[in-house]
Protein backbone atom coordinates (compact mmCIF):
# COMPACT_ATOMS: atom_id res chain seq x y z
CA MET A 1 137.63 84.74 136.49
CA ALA A 2 137.59 84.38 132.73
CA THR A 3 135.41 83.19 129.88
CA LYS A 4 136.66 79.81 128.65
CA THR A 5 135.57 78.47 125.26
CA TRP A 6 135.96 74.83 124.24
CA ASN A 7 138.02 74.58 121.05
CA ILE A 8 138.21 71.77 118.53
CA THR A 9 141.24 69.64 119.31
CA SER A 10 142.24 66.03 118.97
CA THR A 11 141.29 65.33 122.57
CA THR A 12 137.90 65.41 124.27
CA SER A 13 139.23 65.58 127.83
CA TRP A 14 137.79 68.46 129.86
CA ASN A 15 141.00 68.45 131.88
CA ASP A 16 143.30 69.15 128.87
CA ALA A 17 144.40 72.81 129.15
CA SER A 18 145.03 73.04 125.39
CA SER A 19 141.34 72.26 124.71
CA TRP A 20 140.31 75.69 126.00
CA THR A 21 140.63 79.27 124.76
CA PRO A 22 142.28 81.00 126.46
CA ALA A 23 144.45 78.02 127.42
CA GLY A 24 143.73 76.44 130.78
CA VAL A 25 141.04 74.28 132.34
CA PRO A 26 138.07 76.37 133.57
CA GLY A 27 138.57 77.40 137.18
CA ASN A 28 136.31 78.58 139.99
CA GLY A 29 133.98 81.34 138.79
CA ASP A 30 134.93 80.99 135.11
CA ASP A 31 132.18 81.23 132.51
CA VAL A 32 132.19 78.29 130.06
CA ILE A 33 130.98 78.25 126.45
CA ILE A 34 130.65 75.04 124.44
CA PRO A 35 130.28 76.03 120.75
CA ASN A 36 128.88 74.02 117.85
CA VAL A 37 131.39 71.22 117.25
CA ALA A 38 131.03 67.71 115.82
CA SER A 39 129.95 65.17 118.45
CA ALA A 40 133.32 63.43 118.08
CA PHE A 41 134.84 66.56 119.66
CA TRP A 42 132.34 67.23 122.45
CA PRO A 43 134.09 67.71 125.77
CA GLU A 44 134.01 64.78 128.15
CA LEU A 45 133.83 65.70 131.80
CA ASP A 46 136.29 63.11 133.07
CA VAL A 47 137.05 64.99 136.32
CA HIS A 48 134.84 67.02 138.66
CA SER A 49 134.51 70.56 137.32
CA ASN A 50 135.47 73.55 139.41
CA ASP A 51 132.61 75.74 140.61
CA LEU A 52 131.83 77.38 137.27
CA GLY A 53 130.23 80.81 136.97
CA SER A 54 127.92 80.31 134.00
CA PHE A 55 127.66 77.45 131.52
CA THR A 56 126.44 77.93 127.92
CA MET A 57 125.97 75.28 125.25
CA GLN A 58 125.37 76.77 121.83
CA VAL A 59 123.22 75.18 119.10
CA GLY A 60 124.74 71.92 117.89
CA SER A 61 127.01 71.43 120.87
CA GLY A 62 127.08 68.78 123.55
CA ILE A 63 128.98 67.41 126.51
CA PHE A 64 129.47 63.93 127.95
CA LEU A 65 129.33 63.61 131.74
CA GLN A 66 131.07 60.47 132.93
CA SER A 67 129.60 58.40 135.72
CA THR A 68 130.13 59.91 139.19
CA LYS A 69 131.51 63.18 137.74
CA ILE A 70 129.98 66.52 138.73
CA LEU A 71 129.40 69.62 136.58
CA LYS A 72 128.99 72.37 139.19
CA VAL A 73 127.48 75.72 138.16
CA SER A 74 126.74 78.71 140.38
CA GLY A 75 125.54 81.08 137.64
CA ASN A 76 123.25 80.79 134.63
CA PHE A 77 122.95 77.56 132.69
CA THR A 78 121.93 77.88 129.03
CA LEU A 79 121.15 75.02 126.64
CA ALA A 80 120.27 75.86 123.05
CA ALA A 81 118.80 72.76 121.35
CA ASN A 82 121.72 70.57 122.34
CA THR A 83 122.52 67.13 123.53
CA MET A 84 123.62 66.85 127.13
CA ASP A 85 124.66 63.28 127.72
CA ASN A 86 124.70 62.55 131.43
CA THR A 87 122.90 59.22 131.17
CA GLY A 88 126.00 57.49 132.55
CA GLY A 89 125.36 58.91 135.99
CA GLY A 90 127.10 62.28 135.83
CA LEU A 91 125.57 64.98 138.04
CA ILE A 92 124.71 68.60 137.25
CA LYS A 93 124.92 70.49 140.54
CA PHE A 94 123.52 74.00 140.94
CA ASP A 95 125.02 76.00 143.80
CA GLY A 96 123.84 79.61 143.81
CA THR A 97 121.24 81.62 141.93
CA THR A 98 120.73 80.08 138.50
CA THR A 99 118.37 80.66 135.61
CA LEU A 100 118.24 77.53 133.51
CA THR A 101 117.15 78.35 129.97
CA SER A 102 116.64 75.60 127.48
CA ASN A 103 115.00 74.73 124.20
CA SER A 104 113.10 71.46 124.63
CA ASN A 105 115.92 69.58 126.30
CA ASN A 106 116.11 66.65 128.67
CA LEU A 107 118.36 66.81 131.71
CA LYS A 108 119.14 63.98 134.06
CA ASN A 109 120.62 63.85 137.54
CA ILE A 110 120.17 67.38 138.84
CA GLU A 111 121.00 68.58 142.35
CA ILE A 112 120.03 71.97 143.79
CA THR A 113 122.04 72.65 146.94
CA SER A 114 120.72 74.17 150.16
CA GLY A 115 120.33 77.95 149.90
CA SER A 116 120.36 77.85 146.09
CA THR A 117 117.58 79.03 143.79
CA VAL A 118 117.10 77.61 140.30
CA THR A 119 114.57 79.07 137.89
CA MET A 120 113.69 76.73 135.01
CA ALA A 121 112.54 79.21 132.42
CA ASP A 122 111.82 77.23 129.26
CA ASN A 123 110.63 73.88 127.93
CA LEU A 124 112.48 71.20 129.85
CA THR A 125 112.13 67.62 131.02
CA VAL A 126 114.09 66.73 134.15
CA TYR A 127 114.75 63.19 135.37
CA ASN A 128 116.08 62.52 138.88
CA ILE A 129 116.21 65.79 140.74
CA THR A 130 117.35 66.34 144.32
CA ASN A 131 116.28 69.73 145.61
CA ALA A 132 117.48 71.08 148.95
CA GLY A 133 117.05 74.68 147.76
CA THR A 134 114.31 76.46 145.82
CA LEU A 135 113.08 75.46 142.38
CA ILE A 136 110.97 77.92 140.36
CA CYS A 137 109.25 76.66 137.19
CA THR A 138 108.21 79.48 134.85
CA GLY A 139 108.17 77.48 131.61
CA PHE A 140 106.77 74.09 130.62
CA VAL A 141 108.76 71.79 132.90
CA LEU A 142 108.17 68.07 133.38
CA ILE A 143 109.83 66.50 136.41
CA TYR A 144 110.17 62.74 136.74
CA GLY A 145 111.29 61.19 140.02
CA GLY A 146 113.66 58.31 140.42
CA ASN A 147 115.64 59.49 143.43
CA ALA A 148 113.60 62.68 143.61
CA SER A 149 113.29 64.77 146.75
CA TYR A 150 112.02 68.31 146.91
CA GLY A 151 112.71 71.45 148.89
CA GLY A 152 110.73 74.62 148.08
CA ILE A 153 109.06 74.50 144.67
CA TYR A 154 107.40 77.55 143.14
CA VAL A 155 105.39 77.20 139.96
CA GLY A 156 104.97 80.61 138.37
CA GLY A 157 102.39 82.54 140.35
CA CYS A 158 100.78 79.41 141.83
CA GLY A 159 102.61 79.79 145.13
CA PRO A 160 105.07 77.85 147.20
CA TYR A 161 105.21 74.12 147.77
CA PRO A 162 107.46 74.09 150.85
CA ARG A 163 109.40 71.35 152.58
CA ARG A 164 106.36 69.82 154.24
CA HIS A 165 105.60 68.37 150.79
CA LYS A 166 108.96 66.65 150.67
CA LYS A 167 107.29 63.34 149.85
CA MET A 168 105.27 64.86 147.00
CA ARG A 169 105.39 62.49 144.06
CA SER A 170 107.01 63.70 140.86
CA ARG A 171 103.76 63.08 138.95
CA THR A 172 102.03 65.65 141.20
CA ILE A 173 104.74 68.21 140.53
CA LYS A 174 104.64 67.46 136.81
CA ASN A 175 100.88 68.07 136.78
CA ILE A 176 101.23 71.33 138.73
CA CYS A 177 103.80 72.59 136.22
CA ARG A 178 101.68 71.45 133.28
CA LYS A 179 98.56 73.10 134.75
CA HIS A 180 100.37 76.39 135.31
CA SER A 181 101.85 76.28 131.81
CA ARG A 182 98.35 76.00 130.34
CA ARG A 183 97.13 78.93 132.46
CA SER A 184 99.98 81.18 131.39
CA LYS A 185 99.21 80.57 127.69
CA ARG A 186 95.66 81.94 128.02
């Protein structure tokens, strides 16, 4: 396991070993850092990623997730005021214990696998989430449905919303998160 940092090259292919420092495509358990680079040099996930350890996008960075491609992360996921372009259908899959920290970002097409726990700790808007694990919202999190399904959802200290609420509409969850966010600011 290593820390792999995207470097500015003439290619944007995730799968190009020379695009990473140290050289080599990130493997299982590797921690990935995407630094501030011009959008013309953002990595493009054109293959399924290995099961990454952690994933960090620094200020001014971004990544393009191609349709049907999966960015799989089992550790922490950090977005710092970035652009994460997965509007084409790419999936961000969390498999393990993850703290997702963000700075007013939008994420689309999220999957939380069975047995996994994801804590969304900052300001975040999520579109299309499939949750077979546990989702904990401790920041201001808006969740919009689409293909949404929900496993266990915990909103700060408000308590669990277990599987029996599987058909809970995303608007209800959004309001619960919003309500808790207001309480925590008092």
